């Protein structure tokens, strides 16, 4: 899997509040940027952002 791009990292950081992001918002970031949800999950891991209210186990 490709590493998260700078744009993905930036968008996750902007969307996160108190180092947390909802699953819905994380999936929207992936959709808006045209990247796999897994890349957004990897960006969250890299930034120390926790995904909460997770739906369907989209992120690991």
PDB file of N, CA and C in Angstrom:
ATOM      1  N   UNK A   1       0.851  -1.181   0.000  1.00  0.00           N
ATOM      2  CA  UNK A   1       0.000   0.000   0.000  1.00  0.00           C
ATOM      3  C   UNK A   1       0.891   1.237   0.000  1.00  0.00           C
ATOM      4  N   UNK A   2       0.466   2.239  -0.735  1.00  0.00           N
ATOM      5  CA  UNK A   2       1.212   3.492  -0.797  1.00  0.00           C
ATOM      6  C   UNK A   2       1.108   4.246   0.520  1.00  0.00           C
ATOM      7  N   UNK A   3       2.159   4.968   0.836  1.00  0.00           N
ATOM      8  CA  UNK A   3       2.138   5.817   2.031  1.00  0.00           C
ATOM      9  C   UNK A   3       1.177   6.978   1.794  1.00  0.00           C
ATOM     10  N   UNK A   4       0.595   7.508   2.867  1.00  0.00           N
ATOM     11  CA  UNK A   4      -0.298   8.661   2.710  1.00  0.00           C
ATOM     12  C   UNK A   4       0.449   9.847   2.091  1.00  0.00           C
ATOM     13  N   UNK A   5      -0.208  10.519   1.175  1.00  0.00           N
ATOM     14  CA  UNK A   5       0.380  11.705   0.553  1.00  0.00           C
ATOM     15  C   UNK A   5       0.308  12.876   1.528  1.00  0.00           C
ATOM     16  N   UNK A   6       1.048  13.920   1.229  1.00  0.00           N
ATOM     17  CA  UNK A   6       1.003  15.121   2.060  1.00  0.00           C
ATOM     18  C   UNK A   6      -0.405  15.704   2.094  1.00  0.00           C
ATOM     19  N   UNK A   7      -1.112  15.639   0.981  1.00  0.00           N
ATOM     20  CA  UNK A   7      -2.487  16.155   0.924  1.00  0.00           C
ATOM     21  C   UNK A   7      -3.404  15.366   1.856  1.00  0.00           C
ATOM     22  N   UNK A   8      -3.265  14.048   1.874  1.00  0.00           N
ATOM     23  CA  UNK A   8      -4.080  13.215   2.766  1.00  0.00           C
ATOM     24  C   UNK A   8      -3.752  13.549   4.219  1.00  0.00           C
ATOM     25  N   UNK A   9      -2.480  13.641   4.540  1.00  0.00           N
ATOM     26  CA  UNK A   9      -2.074  13.978   5.905  1.00  0.00           C
ATOM     27  C   UNK A   9      -2.641  15.334   6.324  1.00  0.00           C
ATOM     28  N   UNK A  10      -2.560  16.299   5.420  1.00  0.00           N
ATOM     29  CA  UNK A  10      -3.063  17.644   5.711  1.00  0.00           C
ATOM     30  C   UNK A  10      -4.566  17.625   5.956  1.00  0.00           C
ATOM     31  N   UNK A  11      -5.302  16.935   5.095  1.00  0.00           N
ATOM     32  CA  UNK A  11      -6.767  16.904   5.236  1.00  0.00           C
ATOM     33  C   UNK A  11      -7.198  16.191   6.506  1.00  0.00           C
ATOM     34  N   UNK A  12      -6.511  15.116   6.862  1.00  0.00           N
ATOM     35  CA  UNK A  12      -6.836  14.406   8.104  1.00  0.00           C
ATOM     36  C   UNK A  12      -6.569  15.322   9.292  1.00  0.00           C
ATOM     37  N   UNK A  13      -5.435  15.984   9.275  1.00  0.00           N
ATOM     38  CA  UNK A  13      -5.085  16.885  10.369  1.00  0.00           C
ATOM     39  C   UNK A  13      -6.119  18.005  10.506  1.00  0.00           C
ATOM     40  N   UNK A  14      -6.567  18.552   9.381  1.00  0.00           N
ATOM     41  CA  UNK A  14      -7.571  19.623   9.400  1.00  0.00           C
ATOM     42  C   UNK A  14      -8.927  19.123   9.897  1.00  0.00           C
ATOM     43  N   UNK A  15      -9.278  17.898   9.539  1.00  0.00           N
ATOM     44  CA  UNK A  15     -10.594  17.355   9.886  1.00  0.00           C
ATOM     45  C   UNK A  15     -10.663  16.841  11.320  1.00  0.00           C
ATOM     46  N   UNK A  16      -9.519  16.540  11.904  1.00  0.00           N
ATOM     47  CA  UNK A  16      -9.487  15.969  13.255  1.00  0.00           C
ATOM     48  C   UNK A  16      -9.699  17.055  14.308  1.00  0.00           C
ATOM     49  N   UNK A  17     -10.376  16.660  15.369  1.00  0.00           N
ATOM     50  CA  UNK A  17     -10.572  17.523  16.526  1.00  0.00           C
ATOM     51  C   UNK A  17     -10.033  16.787  17.737  1.00  0.00           C
ATOM     52  N   UNK A  18      -9.128  17.400  18.453  1.00  0.00           N
ATOM     53  CA  UNK A  18      -8.528  16.765  19.633  1.00  0.00           C
ATOM     54  C   UNK A  18      -7.966  15.384  19.315  1.00  0.00           C
ATOM     55  N   UNK A  19      -7.297  15.299  18.152  1.00  0.00           N
ATOM     56  CA  UNK A  19      -6.660  14.035  17.725  1.00  0.00           C
ATOM     57  C   UNK A  19      -7.675  12.910  17.520  1.00  0.00           C
ATOM     58  N   UNK A  20      -8.913  13.277  17.144  1.00  0.00           N
ATOM     59  CA  UNK A  20      -9.959  12.289  16.858  1.00  0.00           C
ATOM     60  C   UNK A  20     -10.698  12.698  15.585  1.00  0.00           C
ATOM     61  N   UNK A  21     -11.147  11.685  14.841  1.00  0.00           N
ATOM     62  CA  UNK A  21     -11.928  11.914  13.630  1.00  0.00           C
ATOM     63  C   UNK A  21     -12.969  10.803  13.552  1.00  0.00           C
ATOM     64  N   UNK A  22     -14.175  11.150  13.155  1.00  0.00           N
ATOM     65  CA  UNK A  22     -15.205  10.116  13.044  1.00  0.00           C
ATOM     66  C   UNK A  22     -14.984   9.303  11.775  1.00  0.00           C
ATOM     67  N   UNK A  23     -15.491   8.112  11.797  1.00  0.00           N
ATOM     68  CA  UNK A  23     -15.389   7.234  10.634  1.00  0.00           C
ATOM     69  C   UNK A  23     -16.039   7.899   9.417  1.00  0.00           C
ATOM     70  N   UNK A  24     -17.192   8.516   9.636  1.00  0.00           N
ATOM     71  CA  UNK A  24     -17.908   9.171   8.539  1.00  0.00           C
ATOM     72  C   UNK A  24     -17.047  10.248   7.897  1.00  0.00           C
ATOM     73  N   UNK A  25     -16.408  11.064   8.712  1.00  0.00           N
ATOM     74  CA  UNK A  25     -15.555  12.135   8.186  1.00  0.00           C
ATOM     75  C   UNK A  25     -14.327  11.549   7.494  1.00  0.00           C
ATOM     76  N   UNK A  26     -13.741  10.523   8.074  1.00  0.00           N
ATOM     77  CA  UNK A  26     -12.563   9.895   7.466  1.00  0.00           C
ATOM     78  C   UNK A  26     -12.907   9.308   6.096  1.00  0.00           C
ATOM     79  N   UNK A  27     -14.066   8.657   5.999  1.00  0.00           N
ATOM     80  CA  UNK A  27     -14.479   8.104   4.702  1.00  0.00           C
ATOM     81  C   UNK A  27     -14.747   9.216   3.694  1.00  0.00           C
ATOM     82  N   UNK A  28     -15.280  10.344   4.147  1.00  0.00           N
ATOM     83  CA  UNK A  28     -15.541  11.483   3.269  1.00  0.00           C
ATOM     84  C   UNK A  28     -14.222  12.072   2.756  1.00  0.00           C
ATOM     85  N   UNK A  29     -13.228  12.151   3.620  1.00  0.00           N
ATOM     86  CA  UNK A  29     -11.904  12.634   3.197  1.00  0.00           C
ATOM     87  C   UNK A  29     -11.368  11.730   2.087  1.00  0.00           C
ATOM     88  N   UNK A  30     -11.462  10.422   2.287  1.00  0.00           N
ATOM     89  CA  UNK A  30     -10.988   9.471   1.273  1.00  0.00           C
ATOM     90  C   UNK A  30     -11.742   9.657  -0.040  1.00  0.00           C
ATOM     91  N   UNK A  31     -13.059   9.787   0.059  1.00  0.00           N
ATOM     92  CA  UNK A  31     -13.879   9.962  -1.147  1.00  0.00           C
ATOM     93  C   UNK A  31     -13.524  11.264  -1.860  1.00  0.00           C
ATOM     94  N   UNK A  32     -13.436  12.354  -1.108  1.00  0.00           N
ATOM     95  CA  UNK A  32     -13.125  13.662  -1.706  1.00  0.00           C
ATOM     96  C   UNK A  32     -11.773  13.671  -2.411  1.00  0.00           C
ATOM     97  N   UNK A  33     -10.808  12.957  -1.840  1.00  0.00           N
ATOM     98  CA  UNK A  33      -9.459  12.940  -2.419  1.00  0.00           C
ATOM     99  C   UNK A  33      -9.259  11.812  -3.432  1.00  0.00           C
ATOM    100  N   UNK A  34     -10.237  10.913  -3.535  1.00  0.00           N
ATOM    101  CA  UNK A  34     -10.123   9.806  -4.485  1.00  0.00           C
ATOM    102  C   UNK A  34      -9.054   8.802  -4.108  1.00  0.00           C
ATOM    103  N   UNK A  35      -8.890   8.583  -2.800  1.00  0.00           N
ATOM    104  CA  UNK A  35      -7.895   7.626  -2.316  1.00  0.00           C
ATOM    105  C   UNK A  35      -8.601   6.532  -1.521  1.00  0.00           C
ATOM    106  N   UNK A  36      -7.958   5.379  -1.356  1.00  0.00           N
ATOM    107  CA  UNK A  36      -8.565   4.313  -0.562  1.00  0.00           C
ATOM    108  C   UNK A  36      -8.715   4.732   0.906  1.00  0.00           C
ATOM    109  N   UNK A  37      -9.774   4.248   1.528  1.00  0.00           N
ATOM    110  CA  UNK A  37      -9.998   4.532   2.947  1.00  0.00           C
ATOM    111  C   UNK A  37      -8.794   4.090   3.772  1.00  0.00           C
ATOM    112  N   UNK A  38      -8.161   3.023   3.360  1.00  0.00           N
ATOM    113  CA  UNK A  38      -6.993   2.508   4.083  1.00  0.00           C
ATOM    114  C   UNK A  38      -5.879   3.557   4.155  1.00  0.00           C
ATOM    115  N   UNK A  39      -5.710   4.354   3.091  1.00  0.00           N
ATOM    116  CA  UNK A  39      -4.683   5.393   3.098  1.00  0.00           C
ATOM    117  C   UNK A  39      -5.008   6.457   4.146  1.00  0.00           C
ATOM    118  N   UNK A  40      -6.281   6.796   4.276  1.00  0.00           N
ATOM    119  CA  UNK A  40      -6.688   7.755   5.303  1.00  0.00           C
ATOM    120  C   UNK A  40      -6.438   7.149   6.685  1.00  0.00           C
ATOM    121  N   UNK A  41      -6.734   5.864   6.839  1.00  0.00           N
ATOM    122  CA  UNK A  41      -6.451   5.175   8.098  1.00  0.00           C
ATOM    123  C   UNK A  41      -4.968   5.193   8.425  1.00  0.00           C
ATOM    124  N   UNK A  42      -4.140   4.971   7.417  1.00  0.00           N
ATOM    125  CA  UNK A  42      -2.688   5.012   7.621  1.00  0.00           C
ATOM    126  C   UNK A  42      -2.230   6.425   8.007  1.00  0.00           C
ATOM    127  N   UNK A  43      -2.866   7.437   7.394  1.00  0.00           N
ATOM    128  CA  UNK A  43      -2.541   8.825   7.744  1.00  0.00           C
ATOM    129  C   UNK A  43      -2.906   9.096   9.201  1.00  0.00           C
ATOM    130  N   UNK A  44      -4.048   8.581   9.625  1.00  0.00           N
ATOM    131  CA  UNK A  44      -4.459   8.745  11.022  1.00  0.00           C
ATOM    132  C   UNK A  44      -3.440   8.105  11.951  1.00  0.00           C
ATOM    133  N   UNK A  45      -2.993   6.908  11.606  1.00  0.00           N
ATOM    134  CA  UNK A  45      -1.979   6.228  12.418  1.00  0.00           C
ATOM    135  C   UNK A  45      -0.707   7.071  12.506  1.00  0.00           C
ATOM    136  N   UNK A  46      -0.280   7.582  11.368  1.00  0.00           N
ATOM    137  CA  UNK A  46       0.959   8.367  11.313  1.00  0.00           C
ATOM    138  C   UNK A  46       0.859   9.644  12.144  1.00  0.00           C
ATOM    139  N   UNK A  47      -0.340  10.236  12.157  1.00  0.00           N
ATOM    140  CA  UNK A  47      -0.547  11.493  12.878  1.00  0.00           C
ATOM    141  C   UNK A  47      -0.995  11.293  14.326  1.00  0.00           C
ATOM    142  N   UNK A  48      -1.250  10.050  14.711  1.00  0.00           N
ATOM    143  CA  UNK A  48      -1.730   9.783  16.064  1.00  0.00           C
ATOM    144  C   UNK A  48      -3.180  10.180  16.265  1.00  0.00           C
ATOM    145  N   UNK A  49      -3.964  10.162  15.178  1.00  0.00           N
ATOM    146  CA  UNK A  49      -5.385  10.508  15.226  1.00  0.00           C
ATOM    147  C   UNK A  49      -6.193   9.225  15.364  1.00  0.00           C
ATOM    148  N   UNK A  50      -7.099   9.204  16.334  1.00  0.00           N
ATOM    149  CA  UNK A  50      -7.950   8.028  16.547  1.00  0.00           C
ATOM    150  C   UNK A  50      -9.241   8.180  15.756  1.00  0.00           C
ATOM    151  N   UNK A  51      -9.659   7.097  15.103  1.00  0.00           N
ATOM    152  CA  UNK A  51     -10.945   7.072  14.404  1.00  0.00           C
ATOM    153  C   UNK A  51     -11.974   6.552  15.390  1.00  0.00           C
ATOM    154  N   UNK A  52     -13.061   7.314  15.558  1.00  0.00           N
ATOM    155  CA  UNK A  52     -14.110   6.890  16.484  1.00  0.00           C
ATOM    156  C   UNK A  52     -15.431   6.744  15.744  1.00  0.00           C
ATOM    157  N   UNK A  53     -16.392   6.130  16.403  1.00  0.00           N
ATOM    158  CA  UNK A  53     -17.704   5.850  15.805  1.00  0.00           C
ATOM    159  C   UNK A  53     -17.517   5.087  14.494  1.00  0.00           C
ATOM    160  N   UNK A  54     -16.622   4.096  14.524  1.00  0.00           N
ATOM    161  CA  UNK A  54     -16.260   3.366  13.316  1.00  0.00           C
ATOM    162  C   UNK A  54     -17.414   2.511  12.813  1.00  0.00           C
ATOM    163  N   UNK A  55     -17.565   2.500  11.501  1.00  0.00           N
ATOM    164  CA  UNK A  55     -18.622   1.762  10.823  1.00  0.00           C
ATOM    165  C   UNK A  55     -17.995   0.687   9.940  1.00  0.00           C
ATOM    166  N   UNK A  56     -18.422  -0.525  10.086  1.00  0.00           N
ATOM    167  CA  UNK A  56     -18.065  -1.614   9.177  1.00  0.00           C
ATOM    168  C   UNK A  56     -16.589  -2.005   9.156  1.00  0.00           C
ATOM    169  N   UNK A  57     -15.793  -1.515  10.069  1.00  0.00           N
ATOM    170  CA  UNK A  57     -14.380  -1.897  10.101  1.00  0.00           C
ATOM    171  C   UNK A  57     -13.608  -1.474   8.863  1.00  0.00           C
ATOM    172  N   UNK A  58     -13.921  -0.303   8.317  1.00  0.00           N
ATOM    173  CA  UNK A  58     -13.260   0.187   7.103  1.00  0.00           C
ATOM    174  C   UNK A  58     -11.791   0.514   7.329  1.00  0.00           C
ATOM    175  N   UNK A  59     -11.433   0.855   8.565  1.00  0.00           N
ATOM    176  CA  UNK A  59     -10.078   1.286   8.870  1.00  0.00           C
ATOM    177  C   UNK A  59      -9.443   0.289   9.814  1.00  0.00           C
ATOM    178  N   UNK A  60      -8.145   0.090   9.650  1.00  0.00           N
ATOM    179  CA  UNK A  60      -7.421  -0.827  10.532  1.00  0.00           C
ATOM    180  C   UNK A  60      -6.265  -0.109  11.157  1.00  0.00           C
TER     181      UNK A  60
END
